Amino acid sequence: QVQLVESGGGLVQPGGSLRLSCAASGFTWDYFGIGWFRQAPGKEREGVSCISNYDTITYYADSVKGRFTISRDNAKNTVYLQMNSLTPEDTAVYYCAVRKGAQTLLVSDYNNWGQGTQVTVSA
């Protein structure tokens, strides 16, 4: 039973920052990919950023490159997403997801999802 618990969302003004956390448990794979995804009202869920537990390769959506940074603490089984220079277009429910195998930003590659945390960017 994989469990992913996101936290850190909230209301922030444009230009502000938030740091999301994802606490992962319930799996013992040697290699896995984990990432952040988001879904705004009326839009498809999209990949934001991802990382693996075994290398330093990261991927980012073009819309967040230079503003968001994904990181992990393997000892704490936790993945973070530092979000800076936030804009209203970043408003969405942010989800953490994990899969056995390599990191990927393709939503359909994942079948283990957290409940999501709301991020609202508004003045």
N, C-alpha and C. Protein backbone atom coordinates (compact mmCIF):
# COMPACT_ATOMS: atom_id res chain seq x y z
N GLN A 1 0.85 -1.19 0.00
CA GLN A 1 0.00 0.00 0.00
C GLN A 1 0.89 1.24 0.00
N VAL A 2 0.98 1.86 -1.16
CA VAL A 2 1.75 3.08 -1.30
C VAL A 2 0.94 4.24 -0.74
N GLN A 3 1.60 5.08 0.02
CA GLN A 3 0.95 6.26 0.54
C GLN A 3 1.82 7.49 0.29
N LEU A 4 1.22 8.51 -0.27
CA LEU A 4 1.89 9.77 -0.55
C LEU A 4 1.06 10.88 0.06
N VAL A 5 1.69 11.68 0.88
CA VAL A 5 0.99 12.75 1.58
C VAL A 5 1.65 14.08 1.26
N GLU A 6 0.94 14.92 0.53
CA GLU A 6 1.44 16.23 0.17
C GLU A 6 1.09 17.26 1.24
N SER A 7 1.94 18.25 1.37
CA SER A 7 1.66 19.35 2.27
C SER A 7 2.39 20.59 1.78
N GLY A 8 2.02 21.72 2.31
CA GLY A 8 2.70 22.97 2.00
C GLY A 8 1.95 23.91 1.09
N GLY A 9 0.83 23.48 0.57
CA GLY A 9 0.06 24.35 -0.29
C GLY A 9 -0.60 25.47 0.49
N GLY A 10 -1.15 26.41 -0.24
CA GLY A 10 -1.82 27.52 0.39
C GLY A 10 -2.02 28.66 -0.57
N LEU A 11 -2.39 29.79 -0.01
CA LEU A 11 -2.62 31.01 -0.77
C LEU A 11 -1.38 31.89 -0.71
N VAL A 12 -0.92 32.32 -1.86
CA VAL A 12 0.27 33.16 -1.93
C VAL A 12 0.06 34.23 -3.00
N GLN A 13 0.67 35.38 -2.80
CA GLN A 13 0.53 36.46 -3.77
C GLN A 13 1.47 36.25 -4.96
N PRO A 14 1.14 36.82 -6.10
CA PRO A 14 2.05 36.72 -7.25
C PRO A 14 3.45 37.19 -6.89
N GLY A 15 4.43 36.45 -7.36
CA GLY A 15 5.82 36.72 -7.04
C GLY A 15 6.31 36.03 -5.80
N GLY A 16 5.41 35.43 -5.06
CA GLY A 16 5.77 34.77 -3.83
C GLY A 16 6.29 33.36 -4.04
N SER A 17 6.54 32.69 -2.93
CA SER A 17 7.12 31.36 -2.96
C SER A 17 6.38 30.41 -2.03
N LEU A 18 6.42 29.15 -2.37
CA LEU A 18 5.91 28.08 -1.54
C LEU A 18 6.84 26.88 -1.68
N ARG A 19 6.88 26.08 -0.65
CA ARG A 19 7.62 24.83 -0.70
C ARG A 19 6.69 23.68 -0.37
N LEU A 20 6.49 22.81 -1.33
CA LEU A 20 5.64 21.64 -1.14
C LEU A 20 6.49 20.46 -0.69
N SER A 21 5.88 19.61 0.12
CA SER A 21 6.53 18.40 0.58
C SER A 21 5.65 17.20 0.26
N CYS A 22 6.29 16.09 -0.03
CA CYS A 22 5.60 14.83 -0.27
C CYS A 22 6.28 13.75 0.55
N ALA A 23 5.58 13.24 1.53
CA ALA A 23 6.08 12.16 2.35
C ALA A 23 5.60 10.84 1.78
N ALA A 24 6.54 9.97 1.45
CA ALA A 24 6.23 8.71 0.77
C ALA A 24 6.47 7.52 1.69
N SER A 25 5.61 6.52 1.57
CA SER A 25 5.76 5.31 2.35
C SER A 25 5.05 4.16 1.64
N GLY A 26 5.31 2.95 2.12
CA GLY A 26 4.58 1.79 1.63
C GLY A 26 5.19 1.07 0.45
N PHE A 27 6.44 1.38 0.11
CA PHE A 27 7.11 0.66 -0.97
C PHE A 27 8.60 0.57 -0.68
N THR A 28 9.23 -0.46 -1.24
CA THR A 28 10.65 -0.71 -0.99
C THR A 28 11.41 -0.97 -2.28
N TRP A 29 10.97 -0.38 -3.36
CA TRP A 29 11.66 -0.56 -4.64
C TRP A 29 13.08 -0.04 -4.57
N ASP A 30 13.99 -0.73 -5.24
CA ASP A 30 15.36 -0.23 -5.31
C ASP A 30 15.45 1.05 -6.12
N TYR A 31 14.65 1.11 -7.17
CA TYR A 31 14.68 2.26 -8.07
C TYR A 31 13.26 2.76 -8.29
N PHE A 32 13.07 4.03 -8.17
CA PHE A 32 11.77 4.59 -8.45
C PHE A 32 11.88 6.04 -8.90
N GLY A 33 10.87 6.44 -9.61
CA GLY A 33 10.73 7.82 -10.01
C GLY A 33 9.59 8.46 -9.24
N ILE A 34 9.77 9.70 -8.91
CA ILE A 34 8.75 10.41 -8.15
C ILE A 34 8.67 11.83 -8.67
N GLY A 35 7.48 12.38 -8.69
CA GLY A 35 7.36 13.70 -9.26
C GLY A 35 6.16 14.47 -8.78
N TRP A 36 6.12 15.70 -9.24
CA TRP A 36 5.01 16.61 -8.96
C TRP A 36 4.23 16.87 -10.23
N PHE A 37 2.93 16.86 -10.08
CA PHE A 37 2.00 17.11 -11.16
C PHE A 37 0.97 18.10 -10.68
N ARG A 38 0.30 18.74 -11.60
CA ARG A 38 -0.71 19.69 -11.19
C ARG A 38 -1.88 19.66 -12.14
N GLN A 39 -3.02 20.07 -11.61
CA GLN A 39 -4.23 20.12 -12.41
C GLN A 39 -5.03 21.35 -12.02
N ALA A 40 -5.20 22.23 -12.98
CA ALA A 40 -6.01 23.42 -12.81
C ALA A 40 -7.43 23.12 -13.28
N PRO A 41 -8.41 23.86 -12.77
CA PRO A 41 -9.79 23.63 -13.21
C PRO A 41 -9.93 23.72 -14.72
N GLY A 42 -10.57 22.72 -15.30
CA GLY A 42 -10.80 22.71 -16.73
C GLY A 42 -9.61 22.29 -17.57
N LYS A 43 -8.51 21.92 -16.94
CA LYS A 43 -7.32 21.52 -17.67
C LYS A 43 -6.93 20.09 -17.35
N GLU A 44 -6.15 19.50 -18.23
CA GLU A 44 -5.61 18.18 -18.00
C GLU A 44 -4.52 18.23 -16.96
N ARG A 45 -4.37 17.13 -16.25
CA ARG A 45 -3.26 17.03 -15.32
C ARG A 45 -1.95 17.01 -16.11
N GLU A 46 -0.95 17.72 -15.62
CA GLU A 46 0.31 17.82 -16.32
C GLU A 46 1.49 17.60 -15.39
N GLY A 47 2.57 17.11 -15.96
CA GLY A 47 3.79 16.94 -15.19
C GLY A 47 4.47 18.27 -14.95
N VAL A 48 4.96 18.46 -13.75
CA VAL A 48 5.66 19.68 -13.37
C VAL A 48 7.16 19.44 -13.24
N SER A 49 7.52 18.43 -12.46
CA SER A 49 8.91 18.10 -12.25
C SER A 49 9.02 16.70 -11.68
N CYS A 50 10.14 16.05 -11.93
CA CYS A 50 10.33 14.70 -11.40
C CYS A 50 11.80 14.43 -11.14
N ILE A 51 12.02 13.41 -10.33
CA ILE A 51 13.37 13.02 -9.92
C ILE A 51 13.32 11.55 -9.56
N SER A 52 14.47 10.90 -9.50
CA SER A 52 14.53 9.52 -9.04
C SER A 52 15.24 9.46 -7.70
N ASN A 53 15.22 8.28 -7.11
CA ASN A 53 15.94 8.08 -5.87
C ASN A 53 17.39 7.70 -6.07
N TYR A 54 17.80 7.44 -7.32
CA TYR A 54 19.11 6.85 -7.57
C TYR A 54 20.04 7.68 -8.43
N ASP A 55 19.57 8.75 -9.03
CA ASP A 55 20.45 9.63 -9.77
C ASP A 55 20.01 11.07 -9.58
N THR A 56 20.71 11.99 -10.22
CA THR A 56 20.43 13.41 -10.05
C THR A 56 19.74 14.03 -11.25
N ILE A 57 19.25 13.20 -12.15
CA ILE A 57 18.56 13.70 -13.33
C ILE A 57 17.19 14.22 -12.94
N THR A 58 16.92 15.44 -13.33
CA THR A 58 15.61 16.05 -13.08
C THR A 58 15.01 16.53 -14.38
N TYR A 59 13.71 16.59 -14.40
CA TYR A 59 12.97 17.10 -15.55
C TYR A 59 11.98 18.15 -15.06
N TYR A 60 11.79 19.15 -15.89
CA TYR A 60 10.85 20.22 -15.58
C TYR A 60 10.01 20.55 -16.79
N ALA A 61 8.77 20.87 -16.53
CA ALA A 61 7.95 21.44 -17.58
C ALA A 61 8.52 22.80 -17.99
N ASP A 62 8.41 23.11 -19.26
CA ASP A 62 8.95 24.38 -19.75
C ASP A 62 8.38 25.58 -18.99
N SER A 63 7.14 25.47 -18.57
CA SER A 63 6.48 26.58 -17.91
C SER A 63 7.05 26.90 -16.53
N VAL A 64 7.80 25.98 -15.94
CA VAL A 64 8.32 26.20 -14.59
C VAL A 64 9.84 26.23 -14.52
N LYS A 65 10.51 25.98 -15.61
CA LYS A 65 11.97 25.98 -15.61
C LYS A 65 12.51 27.33 -15.15
N GLY A 66 13.47 27.28 -14.26
CA GLY A 66 14.07 28.49 -13.73
C GLY A 66 13.35 29.04 -12.53
N ARG A 67 12.14 28.55 -12.25
CA ARG A 67 11.36 29.03 -11.11
C ARG A 67 11.16 27.97 -10.04
N PHE A 68 11.00 26.73 -10.47
CA PHE A 68 10.74 25.63 -9.54
C PHE A 68 11.98 24.75 -9.44
N THR A 69 12.17 24.15 -8.28
CA THR A 69 13.27 23.23 -8.06
C THR A 69 12.78 22.03 -7.29
N ILE A 70 13.02 20.85 -7.83
CA ILE A 70 12.66 19.62 -7.13
C ILE A 70 13.89 19.10 -6.39
N SER A 71 13.67 18.53 -5.25
CA SER A 71 14.76 17.95 -4.48
C SER A 71 14.21 16.79 -3.66
N ARG A 72 15.10 16.02 -3.10
CA ARG A 72 14.68 14.88 -2.31
C ARG A 72 15.60 14.67 -1.13
N ASP A 73 15.07 14.00 -0.14
CA ASP A 73 15.84 13.56 1.00
C ASP A 73 15.51 12.08 1.16
N ASN A 74 16.36 11.24 0.62
CA ASN A 74 16.09 9.81 0.64
C ASN A 74 15.96 9.26 2.05
N ALA A 75 16.76 9.78 2.96
CA ALA A 75 16.70 9.30 4.34
C ALA A 75 15.35 9.58 4.99
N LYS A 76 14.72 10.66 4.56
CA LYS A 76 13.42 11.02 5.11
C LYS A 76 12.25 10.57 4.23
N ASN A 77 12.56 9.92 3.11
CA ASN A 77 11.53 9.49 2.17
C ASN A 77 10.61 10.64 1.78
N THR A 78 11.22 11.77 1.50
CA THR A 78 10.47 12.98 1.22
C THR A 78 11.01 13.68 -0.01
N VAL A 79 10.10 14.17 -0.82
CA VAL A 79 10.42 14.95 -2.00
C VAL A 79 9.82 16.34 -1.84
N TYR A 80 10.54 17.34 -2.32
CA TYR A 80 10.12 18.71 -2.17
C TYR A 80 10.00 19.39 -3.52
N LEU A 81 9.19 20.41 -3.55
CA LEU A 81 9.11 21.27 -4.71
C LEU A 81 9.15 22.71 -4.23
N GLN A 82 10.27 23.37 -4.47
CA GLN A 82 10.40 24.78 -4.15
C GLN A 82 9.88 25.59 -5.33
N MET A 83 8.90 26.41 -5.08
CA MET A 83 8.25 27.18 -6.13
C MET A 83 8.47 28.66 -5.85
N ASN A 84 9.14 29.32 -6.77
CA ASN A 84 9.43 30.74 -6.66
C ASN A 84 8.79 31.50 -7.81
N SER A 85 8.71 32.80 -7.64
CA SER A 85 8.16 33.67 -8.68
C SER A 85 6.82 33.17 -9.18
N LEU A 86 5.96 32.84 -8.26
CA LEU A 86 4.68 32.25 -8.61
C LEU A 86 3.78 33.25 -9.33
N THR A 87 3.03 32.72 -10.26
CA THR A 87 2.07 33.51 -11.04
C THR A 87 0.70 32.87 -10.93
N PRO A 88 -0.36 33.61 -11.28
CA PRO A 88 -1.69 33.02 -11.23
C PRO A 88 -1.83 31.75 -12.07
N GLU A 89 -1.03 31.62 -13.13
CA GLU A 89 -1.10 30.42 -13.96
C GLU A 89 -0.61 29.17 -13.22
N ASP A 90 0.06 29.36 -12.10
CA ASP A 90 0.51 28.23 -11.30
C ASP A 90 -0.58 27.71 -10.37
N THR A 91 -1.70 28.39 -10.31
CA THR A 91 -2.79 27.95 -9.45
C THR A 91 -3.31 26.60 -9.91
N ALA A 92 -3.32 25.64 -9.01
CA ALA A 92 -3.74 24.28 -9.33
C ALA A 92 -3.70 23.44 -8.08
N VAL A 93 -4.27 22.25 -8.18
CA VAL A 93 -4.02 21.23 -7.18
C VAL A 93 -2.74 20.52 -7.58
N TYR A 94 -1.81 20.44 -6.67
CA TYR A 94 -0.52 19.80 -6.92
C TYR A 94 -0.51 18.42 -6.30
N TYR A 95 -0.14 17.45 -7.11
CA TYR A 95 -0.12 16.06 -6.70
C TYR A 95 1.29 15.49 -6.74
N CYS A 96 1.58 14.64 -5.82
CA CYS A 96 2.79 13.84 -5.83
C CYS A 96 2.45 12.46 -6.36
N ALA A 97 3.33 11.88 -7.15
CA ALA A 97 3.12 10.54 -7.68
C ALA A 97 4.43 9.79 -7.72
N VAL A 98 4.36 8.47 -7.61
CA VAL A 98 5.56 7.64 -7.62
C VAL A 98 5.32 6.42 -8.50
N ARG A 99 6.38 5.93 -9.12
CA ARG A 99 6.31 4.74 -9.95
C ARG A 99 7.58 3.93 -9.81
N LYS A 100 7.47 2.64 -9.98
CA LYS A 100 8.65 1.80 -10.06
C LYS A 100 9.31 2.03 -11.40
N GLY A 101 10.58 2.37 -11.37
CA GLY A 101 11.29 2.64 -12.60
C GLY A 101 11.75 4.08 -12.67
N ALA A 102 12.07 4.51 -13.88
CA ALA A 102 12.66 5.82 -14.08
C ALA A 102 11.67 6.95 -13.87
N GLN A 103 12.20 8.09 -13.57
CA GLN A 103 11.39 9.29 -13.47
C GLN A 103 10.85 9.68 -14.85
N THR A 104 9.67 10.23 -14.85
CA THR A 104 9.02 10.64 -16.08
C THR A 104 7.97 11.69 -15.75
N LEU A 105 7.68 12.54 -16.72
CA LEU A 105 6.65 13.55 -16.55
C LEU A 105 5.33 13.17 -17.20
N LEU A 106 5.24 11.94 -17.66
CA LEU A 106 4.02 11.48 -18.31
C LEU A 106 3.03 10.98 -17.27
N VAL A 107 1.89 11.62 -17.18
CA VAL A 107 0.89 11.29 -16.17
C VAL A 107 0.51 9.82 -16.22
N SER A 108 0.34 9.28 -17.42
CA SER A 108 -0.13 7.91 -17.57
C SER A 108 0.89 6.87 -17.12
N ASP A 109 2.11 7.27 -16.88
CA ASP A 109 3.13 6.34 -16.39
C ASP A 109 3.02 6.06 -14.90
N TYR A 110 2.21 6.82 -14.21
CA TYR A 110 2.09 6.70 -12.76
C TYR A 110 0.75 6.11 -12.37
N ASN A 111 0.77 5.31 -11.34
CA ASN A 111 -0.49 4.79 -10.81
C ASN A 111 -0.56 4.86 -9.28
N ASN A 112 0.35 5.60 -8.69
CA ASN A 112 0.32 5.84 -7.26
C ASN A 112 0.33 7.34 -7.03
N TRP A 113 -0.75 7.84 -6.47
CA TRP A 113 -0.96 9.28 -6.35
C TRP A 113 -1.33 9.69 -4.94
N GLY A 114 -0.89 10.87 -4.56
CA GLY A 114 -1.34 11.46 -3.32
C GLY A 114 -2.68 12.14 -3.50
N GLN A 115 -3.17 12.71 -2.42
CA GLN A 115 -4.48 13.35 -2.45
C GLN A 115 -4.45 14.76 -3.02
N GLY A 116 -3.29 15.35 -3.08
CA GLY A 116 -3.14 16.68 -3.63
C GLY A 116 -3.17 17.77 -2.59
N THR A 117 -2.55 18.89 -2.92
CA THR A 117 -2.57 20.06 -2.07
C THR A 117 -2.82 21.29 -2.95
N GLN A 118 -3.72 22.13 -2.51
CA GLN A 118 -4.13 23.28 -3.31
C GLN A 118 -3.10 24.41 -3.21
N VAL A 119 -2.72 24.92 -4.36
CA VAL A 119 -1.89 26.12 -4.45
C VAL A 119 -2.68 27.18 -5.19
N THR A 120 -2.88 28.30 -4.54
CA THR A 120 -3.61 29.41 -5.14
C THR A 120 -2.72 30.64 -5.14
N VAL A 121 -2.51 31.20 -6.31
CA VAL A 121 -1.69 32.40 -6.48
C VAL A 121 -2.61 33.53 -6.88
N SER A 122 -2.80 34.47 -6.00
CA SER A 122 -3.75 35.54 -6.24
C SER A 122 -3.38 36.75 -5.41
N ALA A 123 -3.63 37.92 -5.97
CA ALA A 123 -3.44 39.15 -5.24
C ALA A 123 -4.63 39.45 -4.34
